[in-house]
Amino acid sequence: ILIQGRTLNRGDWVQFKYAADKQFGFNPI
């Protein structure tokens, strides 16, 4: 769940970093 389910307005963005063996590929559902 992104930003605790709160609102992401038009054009707004959120960023974060993670470390893993390979790139995950986040798919919105």
PDB file of all heavy atoms in Angstrom:
ATOM      1  N   ILE A   1       0.855  -1.180   0.000  1.00  0.00           N
ATOM      2  CA  ILE A   1       0.000   0.000   0.000  1.00  0.00           C
ATOM      3  C   ILE A   1       0.892   1.230   0.000  1.00  0.00           C
ATOM      4  O   ILE A   1       1.789   1.367   0.833  1.00  0.00           O
ATOM      5  CB  ILE A   1      -0.933  -0.008   1.221  1.00  0.00           C
ATOM      6  CG1 ILE A   1      -1.792  -1.279   1.193  1.00  0.00           C
ATOM      7  CG2 ILE A   1      -1.790   1.248   1.251  1.00  0.00           C
ATOM      8  CD1 ILE A   1      -2.554  -1.543   2.456  1.00  0.00           C
ATOM      9  N   LEU A   2       0.634   2.124  -0.950  1.00  0.00           N
ATOM     10  CA  LEU A   2       1.431   3.344  -1.098  1.00  0.00           C
ATOM     11  C   LEU A   2       0.898   4.430  -0.176  1.00  0.00           C
ATOM     12  O   LEU A   2      -0.318   4.644  -0.086  1.00  0.00           O
ATOM     13  CB  LEU A   2       1.379   3.821  -2.549  1.00  0.00           C
ATOM     14  CG  LEU A   2       2.291   4.985  -2.908  1.00  0.00           C
ATOM     15  CD1 LEU A   2       3.763   4.556  -2.843  1.00  0.00           C
ATOM     16  CD2 LEU A   2       1.968   5.513  -4.296  1.00  0.00           C
ATOM     17  N   ILE A   3       1.787   5.127   0.484  1.00  0.00           N
ATOM     18  CA  ILE A   3       1.533   6.266   1.380  1.00  0.00           C
ATOM     19  C   ILE A   3       0.294   6.069   2.252  1.00  0.00           C
ATOM     20  O   ILE A   3      -0.527   6.963   2.420  1.00  0.00           O
ATOM     21  CB  ILE A   3       1.506   7.622   0.647  1.00  0.00           C
ATOM     22  CG1 ILE A   3       0.479   7.659  -0.472  1.00  0.00           C
ATOM     23  CG2 ILE A   3       2.898   7.963   0.137  1.00  0.00           C
ATOM     24  CD1 ILE A   3       0.321   9.032  -1.145  1.00  0.00           C
ATOM     25  N   GLN A   4       0.184   4.883   2.826  1.00  0.00           N
ATOM     26  CA  GLN A   4      -0.882   4.527   3.764  1.00  0.00           C
ATOM     27  C   GLN A   4      -2.276   4.719   3.173  1.00  0.00           C
ATOM     28  O   GLN A   4      -3.221   5.028   3.883  1.00  0.00           O
ATOM     29  CB  GLN A   4      -0.726   5.313   5.071  1.00  0.00           C
ATOM     30  CG  GLN A   4       0.592   5.020   5.755  1.00  0.00           C
ATOM     31  CD  GLN A   4       0.830   5.848   6.980  1.00  0.00           C
ATOM     32  OE1 GLN A   4       0.372   6.980   7.113  1.00  0.00           O
ATOM     33  NE2 GLN A   4       1.581   5.285   7.907  1.00  0.00           N
ATOM     34  N   GLY A   5      -2.376   4.583   1.856  1.00  0.00           N
ATOM     35  CA  GLY A   5      -3.670   4.717   1.191  1.00  0.00           C
ATOM     36  C   GLY A   5      -4.114   6.146   0.961  1.00  0.00           C
ATOM     37  O   GLY A   5      -5.185   6.385   0.405  1.00  0.00           O
ATOM     38  N   ARG A   6      -3.279   7.102   1.372  1.00  0.00           N
ATOM     39  CA  ARG A   6      -3.648   8.518   1.213  1.00  0.00           C
ATOM     40  C   ARG A   6      -3.632   8.926  -0.258  1.00  0.00           C
ATOM     41  O   ARG A   6      -3.196   8.189  -1.128  1.00  0.00           O
ATOM     42  CB  ARG A   6      -2.701   9.404   2.023  1.00  0.00           C
ATOM     43  CG  ARG A   6      -2.859   9.204   3.530  1.00  0.00           C
ATOM     44  CD  ARG A   6      -2.116  10.259   4.344  1.00  0.00           C
ATOM     45  NE  ARG A   6      -0.779  10.535   3.863  1.00  0.00           N
ATOM     46  CZ  ARG A   6       0.332   9.967   4.329  1.00  0.00           C
ATOM     47  NH1 ARG A   6       0.270   9.068   5.279  1.00  0.00           N
ATOM     48  NH2 ARG A   6       1.512  10.294   3.840  1.00  0.00           N
ATOM     49  N   THR A   7      -4.058  10.129  -0.502  1.00  0.00           N
ATOM     50  CA  THR A   7      -4.241  10.649  -1.851  1.00  0.00           C
ATOM     51  C   THR A   7      -2.923  11.065  -2.496  1.00  0.00           C
ATOM     52  O   THR A   7      -2.091  11.725  -1.877  1.00  0.00           O
ATOM     53  CB  THR A   7      -5.193  11.865  -1.815  1.00  0.00           C
ATOM     54  OG1 THR A   7      -6.442  11.432  -1.272  1.00  0.00           O
ATOM     55  CG2 THR A   7      -5.411  12.452  -3.185  1.00  0.00           C
ATOM     56  N   LEU A   8      -2.779  10.675  -3.755  1.00  0.00           N
ATOM     57  CA  LEU A   8      -1.692  11.143  -4.607  1.00  0.00           C
ATOM     58  C   LEU A   8      -2.350  11.985  -5.693  1.00  0.00           C
ATOM     59  O   LEU A   8      -3.106  11.468  -6.517  1.00  0.00           O
ATOM     60  CB  LEU A   8      -0.937   9.953  -5.212  1.00  0.00           C
ATOM     61  CG  LEU A   8       0.379  10.255  -5.922  1.00  0.00           C
ATOM     62  CD1 LEU A   8       1.401  10.859  -4.947  1.00  0.00           C
ATOM     63  CD2 LEU A   8       0.945   8.995  -6.540  1.00  0.00           C
ATOM     64  N   ASN A   9      -2.126  13.275  -5.638  1.00  0.00           N
ATOM     65  CA  ASN A   9      -2.783  14.196  -6.571  1.00  0.00           C
ATOM     66  C   ASN A   9      -2.203  14.088  -7.975  1.00  0.00           C
ATOM     67  O   ASN A   9      -1.127  13.529  -8.178  1.00  0.00           O
ATOM     68  CB  ASN A   9      -2.672  15.639  -6.059  1.00  0.00           C
ATOM     69  CG  ASN A   9      -3.503  15.864  -4.828  1.00  0.00           C
ATOM     70  OD1 ASN A   9      -4.672  15.503  -4.779  1.00  0.00           O
ATOM     71  ND2 ASN A   9      -2.898  16.444  -3.800  1.00  0.00           N
ATOM     72  N   ARG A  10      -2.908  14.666  -8.909  1.00  0.00           N
ATOM     73  CA  ARG A  10      -2.482  14.683 -10.312  1.00  0.00           C
ATOM     74  C   ARG A  10      -1.049  15.217 -10.425  1.00  0.00           C
ATOM     75  O   ARG A  10      -0.730  16.284  -9.919  1.00  0.00           O
ATOM     76  CB  ARG A  10      -3.431  15.575 -11.102  1.00  0.00           C
ATOM     77  CG  ARG A  10      -3.017  15.773 -12.524  1.00  0.00           C
ATOM     78  CD  ARG A  10      -3.906  16.769 -13.208  1.00  0.00           C
ATOM     79  NE  ARG A  10      -3.498  16.928 -14.587  1.00  0.00           N
ATOM     80  CZ  ARG A  10      -4.068  17.764 -15.412  1.00  0.00           C
ATOM     81  NH1 ARG A  10      -5.069  18.519 -15.016  1.00  0.00           N
ATOM     82  NH2 ARG A  10      -3.645  17.853 -16.649  1.00  0.00           N
ATOM     83  N   GLY A  11      -0.204  14.441 -11.077  1.00  0.00           N
ATOM     84  CA  GLY A  11       1.173  14.878 -11.315  1.00  0.00           C
ATOM     85  C   GLY A  11       2.108  14.693 -10.135  1.00  0.00           C
ATOM     86  O   GLY A  11       3.315  14.837 -10.278  1.00  0.00           O
ATOM     87  N   ASP A  12       1.575  14.376  -8.948  1.00  0.00           N
ATOM     88  CA  ASP A  12       2.435  14.182  -7.780  1.00  0.00           C
ATOM     89  C   ASP A  12       3.168  12.847  -7.871  1.00  0.00           C
ATOM     90  O   ASP A  12       2.727  11.939  -8.572  1.00  0.00           O
ATOM     91  CB  ASP A  12       1.617  14.226  -6.494  1.00  0.00           C
ATOM     92  CG  ASP A  12       1.220  15.648  -6.101  1.00  0.00           C
ATOM     93  OD1 ASP A  12       1.630  16.611  -6.786  1.00  0.00           O
ATOM     94  OD2 ASP A  12       0.488  15.782  -5.106  1.00  0.00           O
ATOM     95  N   TRP A  13       4.256  12.746  -7.140  1.00  0.00           N
ATOM     96  CA  TRP A  13       5.047  11.533  -7.168  1.00  0.00           C
ATOM     97  C   TRP A  13       5.580  11.219  -5.781  1.00  0.00           C
ATOM     98  O   TRP A  13       5.663  12.089  -4.919  1.00  0.00           O
ATOM     99  CB  TRP A  13       6.187  11.637  -8.174  1.00  0.00           C
ATOM    100  CG  TRP A  13       7.029  12.863  -8.017  1.00  0.00           C
ATOM    101  CD1 TRP A  13       6.813  14.076  -8.593  1.00  0.00           C
ATOM    102  CD2 TRP A  13       8.192  13.017  -7.204  1.00  0.00           C
ATOM    103  NE1 TRP A  13       7.783  14.968  -8.201  1.00  0.00           N
ATOM    104  CE2 TRP A  13       8.638  14.343  -7.348  1.00  0.00           C
ATOM    105  CE3 TRP A  13       8.901  12.154  -6.383  1.00  0.00           C
ATOM    106  CZ2 TRP A  13       9.760  14.824  -6.686  1.00  0.00           C
ATOM    107  CZ3 TRP A  13      10.022  12.635  -5.725  1.00  0.00           C
ATOM    108  CH2 TRP A  13      10.439  13.959  -5.891  1.00  0.00           C
ATOM    109  N   VAL A  14       5.922   9.968  -5.612  1.00  0.00           N
ATOM    110  CA  VAL A  14       6.518   9.447  -4.378  1.00  0.00           C
ATOM    111  C   VAL A  14       7.728   8.626  -4.798  1.00  0.00           C
ATOM    112  O   VAL A  14       7.693   7.956  -5.832  1.00  0.00           O
ATOM    113  CB  VAL A  14       5.513   8.539  -3.627  1.00  0.00           C
ATOM    114  CG1 VAL A  14       6.166   7.881  -2.432  1.00  0.00           C
ATOM    115  CG2 VAL A  14       4.286   9.322  -3.208  1.00  0.00           C
ATOM    116  N   GLN A  15       8.782   8.681  -4.004  1.00  0.00           N
ATOM    117  CA  GLN A  15       9.956   7.876  -4.339  1.00  0.00           C
ATOM    118  C   GLN A  15      10.480   7.155  -3.102  1.00  0.00           C
ATOM    119  O   GLN A  15      10.291   7.615  -1.976  1.00  0.00           O
ATOM    120  CB  GLN A  15      11.052   8.703  -4.983  1.00  0.00           C
ATOM    121  CG  GLN A  15      11.750   9.673  -4.061  1.00  0.00           C
ATOM    122  CD  GLN A  15      12.859  10.406  -4.780  1.00  0.00           C
ATOM    123  OE1 GLN A  15      13.009  10.346  -5.996  1.00  0.00           O
ATOM    124  NE2 GLN A  15      13.669  11.124  -4.036  1.00  0.00           N
ATOM    125  N   PHE A  16      11.119   6.035  -3.347  1.00  0.00           N
ATOM    126  CA  PHE A  16      11.777   5.286  -2.290  1.00  0.00           C
ATOM    127  C   PHE A  16      12.874   4.439  -2.927  1.00  0.00           C
ATOM    128  O   PHE A  16      12.941   4.307  -4.152  1.00  0.00           O
ATOM    129  CB  PHE A  16      10.787   4.408  -1.498  1.00  0.00           C
ATOM    130  CG  PHE A  16      10.096   3.357  -2.316  1.00  0.00           C
ATOM    131  CD1 PHE A  16      10.643   2.085  -2.464  1.00  0.00           C
ATOM    132  CD2 PHE A  16       8.895   3.634  -2.942  1.00  0.00           C
ATOM    133  CE1 PHE A  16      10.004   1.123  -3.220  1.00  0.00           C
ATOM    134  CE2 PHE A  16       8.236   2.673  -3.697  1.00  0.00           C
ATOM    135  CZ  PHE A  16       8.790   1.413  -3.834  1.00  0.00           C
ATOM    136  N   LYS A  17      13.724   3.891  -2.082  1.00  0.00           N
ATOM    137  CA  LYS A  17      14.803   3.027  -2.557  1.00  0.00           C
ATOM    138  C   LYS A  17      14.707   1.682  -1.862  1.00  0.00           C
ATOM    139  O   LYS A  17      14.226   1.586  -0.738  1.00  0.00           O
ATOM    140  CB  LYS A  17      16.166   3.665  -2.268  1.00  0.00           C
ATOM    141  CG  LYS A  17      16.399   4.949  -3.040  1.00  0.00           C
ATOM    142  CD  LYS A  17      17.705   5.598  -2.664  1.00  0.00           C
ATOM    143  CE  LYS A  17      17.852   6.914  -3.431  1.00  0.00           C
ATOM    144  NZ  LYS A  17      19.010   7.668  -2.959  1.00  0.00           N
ATOM    145  N   TYR A  18      15.165   0.655  -2.568  1.00  0.00           N
ATOM    146  CA  TYR A  18      15.254  -0.677  -1.994  1.00  0.00           C
ATOM    147  C   TYR A  18      16.499  -1.357  -2.549  1.00  0.00           C
ATOM    148  O   TYR A  18      17.072  -0.913  -3.540  1.00  0.00           O
ATOM    149  CB  TYR A  18      13.984  -1.495  -2.284  1.00  0.00           C
ATOM    150  CG  TYR A  18      13.809  -1.929  -3.720  1.00  0.00           C
ATOM    151  CD1 TYR A  18      14.259  -3.176  -4.153  1.00  0.00           C
ATOM    152  CD2 TYR A  18      13.197  -1.093  -4.651  1.00  0.00           C
ATOM    153  CE1 TYR A  18      14.099  -3.577  -5.474  1.00  0.00           C
ATOM    154  CE2 TYR A  18      13.034  -1.483  -5.966  1.00  0.00           C
ATOM    155  CZ  TYR A  18      13.483  -2.728  -6.376  1.00  0.00           C
ATOM    156  OH  TYR A  18      13.331  -3.108  -7.679  1.00  0.00           O
ATOM    157  N   ALA A  19      16.926  -2.421  -1.895  1.00  0.00           N
ATOM    158  CA  ALA A  19      18.092  -3.174  -2.353  1.00  0.00           C
ATOM    159  C   ALA A  19      17.721  -4.657  -2.385  1.00  0.00           C
ATOM    160  O   ALA A  19      17.213  -5.206  -1.405  1.00  0.00           O
ATOM    161  CB  ALA A  19      19.286  -2.938  -1.432  1.00  0.00           C
ATOM    162  N   ALA A  20      17.978  -5.269  -3.531  1.00  0.00           N
ATOM    163  CA  ALA A  20      17.633  -6.683  -3.720  1.00  0.00           C
ATOM    164  C   ALA A  20      18.541  -7.274  -4.792  1.00  0.00           C
ATOM    165  O   ALA A  20      19.237  -6.548  -5.505  1.00  0.00           O
ATOM    166  CB  ALA A  20      16.172  -6.813  -4.134  1.00  0.00           C
ATOM    167  N   ASP A  21      18.501  -8.592  -4.914  1.00  0.00           N
ATOM    168  CA  ASP A  21      19.324  -9.258  -5.915  1.00  0.00           C
ATOM    169  C   ASP A  21      19.011  -8.775  -7.328  1.00  0.00           C
ATOM    170  O   ASP A  21      19.896  -8.676  -8.167  1.00  0.00           O
ATOM    171  CB  ASP A  21      19.124 -10.777  -5.846  1.00  0.00           C
ATOM    172  CG  ASP A  21      19.777 -11.382  -4.608  1.00  0.00           C
ATOM    173  OD1 ASP A  21      20.850 -10.904  -4.211  1.00  0.00           O
ATOM    174  OD2 ASP A  21      19.184 -12.314  -4.041  1.00  0.00           O
ATOM    175  N   LYS A  22      17.728  -8.496  -7.567  1.00  0.00           N
ATOM    176  CA  LYS A  22      17.340  -8.023  -8.903  1.00  0.00           C
ATOM    177  C   LYS A  22      16.195  -7.023  -8.788  1.00  0.00           C
ATOM    178  O   LYS A  22      15.501  -6.961  -7.771  1.00  0.00           O
ATOM    179  CB  LYS A  22      16.953  -9.192  -9.809  1.00  0.00           C
ATOM    180  CG  LYS A  22      15.767  -9.980  -9.322  1.00  0.00           C
ATOM    181  CD  LYS A  22      15.445 -11.120 -10.264  1.00  0.00           C
ATOM    182  CE  LYS A  22      14.201 -11.850  -9.762  1.00  0.00           C
ATOM    183  NZ  LYS A  22      13.701 -12.810 -10.698  1.00  0.00           N
ATOM    184  N   GLN A  23      16.005  -6.272  -9.846  1.00  0.00           N
ATOM    185  CA  GLN A  23      14.921  -5.288  -9.895  1.00  0.00           C
ATOM    186  C   GLN A  23      13.583  -6.009  -9.790  1.00  0.00           C
ATOM    187  O   GLN A  23      13.369  -7.038 -10.432  1.00  0.00           O
ATOM    188  CB  GLN A  23      15.015  -4.500 -11.204  1.00  0.00           C
ATOM    189  CG  GLN A  23      14.018  -3.381 -11.303  1.00  0.00           C
ATOM    190  CD  GLN A  23      14.283  -2.506 -12.518  1.00  0.00           C
ATOM    191  OE1 GLN A  23      15.421  -2.237 -12.857  1.00  0.00           O
ATOM    192  NE2 GLN A  23      13.215  -2.068 -13.153  1.00  0.00           N
ATOM    193  N   PHE A  24      12.679  -5.474  -8.965  1.00  0.00           N
ATOM    194  CA  PHE A  24      11.425  -6.173  -8.697  1.00  0.00           C
ATOM    195  C   PHE A  24      10.362  -5.956  -9.769  1.00  0.00           C
ATOM    196  O   PHE A  24       9.764  -6.892 -10.257  1.00  0.00           O
ATOM    197  CB  PHE A  24      10.869  -5.757  -7.328  1.00  0.00           C
ATOM    198  CG  PHE A  24       9.547  -6.398  -7.021  1.00  0.00           C
ATOM    199  CD1 PHE A  24       9.465  -7.760  -6.782  1.00  0.00           C
ATOM    200  CD2 PHE A  24       8.386  -5.651  -7.006  1.00  0.00           C
ATOM    201  CE1 PHE A  24       8.246  -8.368  -6.513  1.00  0.00           C
ATOM    202  CE2 PHE A  24       7.161  -6.251  -6.741  1.00  0.00           C
ATOM    203  CZ  PHE A  24       7.095  -7.607  -6.494  1.00  0.00           C
ATOM    204  N   GLY A  25      10.105  -4.721 -10.126  1.00  0.00           N
ATOM    205  CA  GLY A  25       9.033  -4.420 -11.087  1.00  0.00           C
ATOM    206  C   GLY A  25       7.696  -4.257 -10.400  1.00  0.00           C
ATOM    207  O   GLY A  25       6.873  -5.169 -10.411  1.00  0.00           O
ATOM    208  N   PHE A  26       7.477  -3.133  -9.772  1.00  0.00           N
ATOM    209  CA  PHE A  26       6.228  -2.861  -9.061  1.00  0.00           C
ATOM    210  C   PHE A  26       5.097  -2.642 -10.057  1.00  0.00           C
ATOM    211  O   PHE A  26       5.175  -1.760 -10.916  1.00  0.00           O
ATOM    212  CB  PHE A  26       6.379  -1.633  -8.157  1.00  0.00           C
ATOM    213  CG  PHE A  26       7.229  -1.899  -6.954  1.00  0.00           C
ATOM    214  CD1 PHE A  26       8.592  -1.696  -6.996  1.00  0.00           C
ATOM    215  CD2 PHE A  26       6.659  -2.375  -5.785  1.00  0.00           C
ATOM    216  CE1 PHE A  26       9.380  -1.953  -5.889  1.00  0.00           C
ATOM    217  CE2 PHE A  26       7.440  -2.636  -4.674  1.00  0.00           C
ATOM    218  CZ  PHE A  26       8.803  -2.428  -4.722  1.00  0.00           C
ATOM    219  N   ASN A  27       4.031  -3.428  -9.910  1.00  0.00           N
ATOM    220  CA  ASN A  27       2.869  -3.318 -10.800  1.00  0.00           C
ATOM    221  C   ASN A  27       1.649  -2.890 -10.004  1.00  0.00           C
ATOM    222  O   ASN A  27       1.219  -3.610  -9.094  1.00  0.00           O
ATOM    223  CB  ASN A  27       2.577  -4.670 -11.483  1.00  0.00           C
ATOM    224  CG  ASN A  27       3.671  -5.056 -12.433  1.00  0.00           C
ATOM    225  OD1 ASN A  27       4.099  -4.260 -13.255  1.00  0.00           O
ATOM    226  ND2 ASN A  27       4.137  -6.279 -12.329  1.00  0.00           N
ATOM    227  N   PRO A  28       1.077  -1.727 -10.338  1.00  0.00           N
ATOM    228  CA  PRO A  28      -0.147  -1.308  -9.638  1.00  0.00           C
ATOM    229  C   PRO A  28      -1.279  -2.283  -9.939  1.00  0.00           C
ATOM    230  O   PRO A  28      -1.399  -2.778 -11.058  1.00  0.00           O
ATOM    231  CB  PRO A  28      -0.451   0.074 -10.233  1.00  0.00           C
ATOM    232  CG  PRO A  28       0.675   0.432 -11.110  1.00  0.00           C
ATOM    233  CD  PRO A  28       1.508  -0.774 -11.336  1.00  0.00           C
ATOM    234  N   ILE A  29      -2.096  -2.554  -8.924  1.00  0.00           N
ATOM    235  CA  ILE A  29      -3.233  -3.455  -9.103  1.00  0.00           C
ATOM    236  C   ILE A  29      -4.563  -2.810  -8.702  1.00  0.00           C
ATOM    237  O   ILE A  29      -5.619  -3.343  -9.026  1.00  0.00           O
ATOM    238  CB  ILE A  29      -3.042  -4.781  -8.321  1.00  0.00           C
ATOM    239  CG1 ILE A  29      -2.835  -4.512  -6.839  1.00  0.00           C
ATOM    240  CG2 ILE A  29      -1.920  -5.593  -8.924  1.00  0.00           C
ATOM    241  CD1 ILE A  29      -2.862  -5.755  -5.960  1.00  0.00           C
TER     242      ILE A  29
END
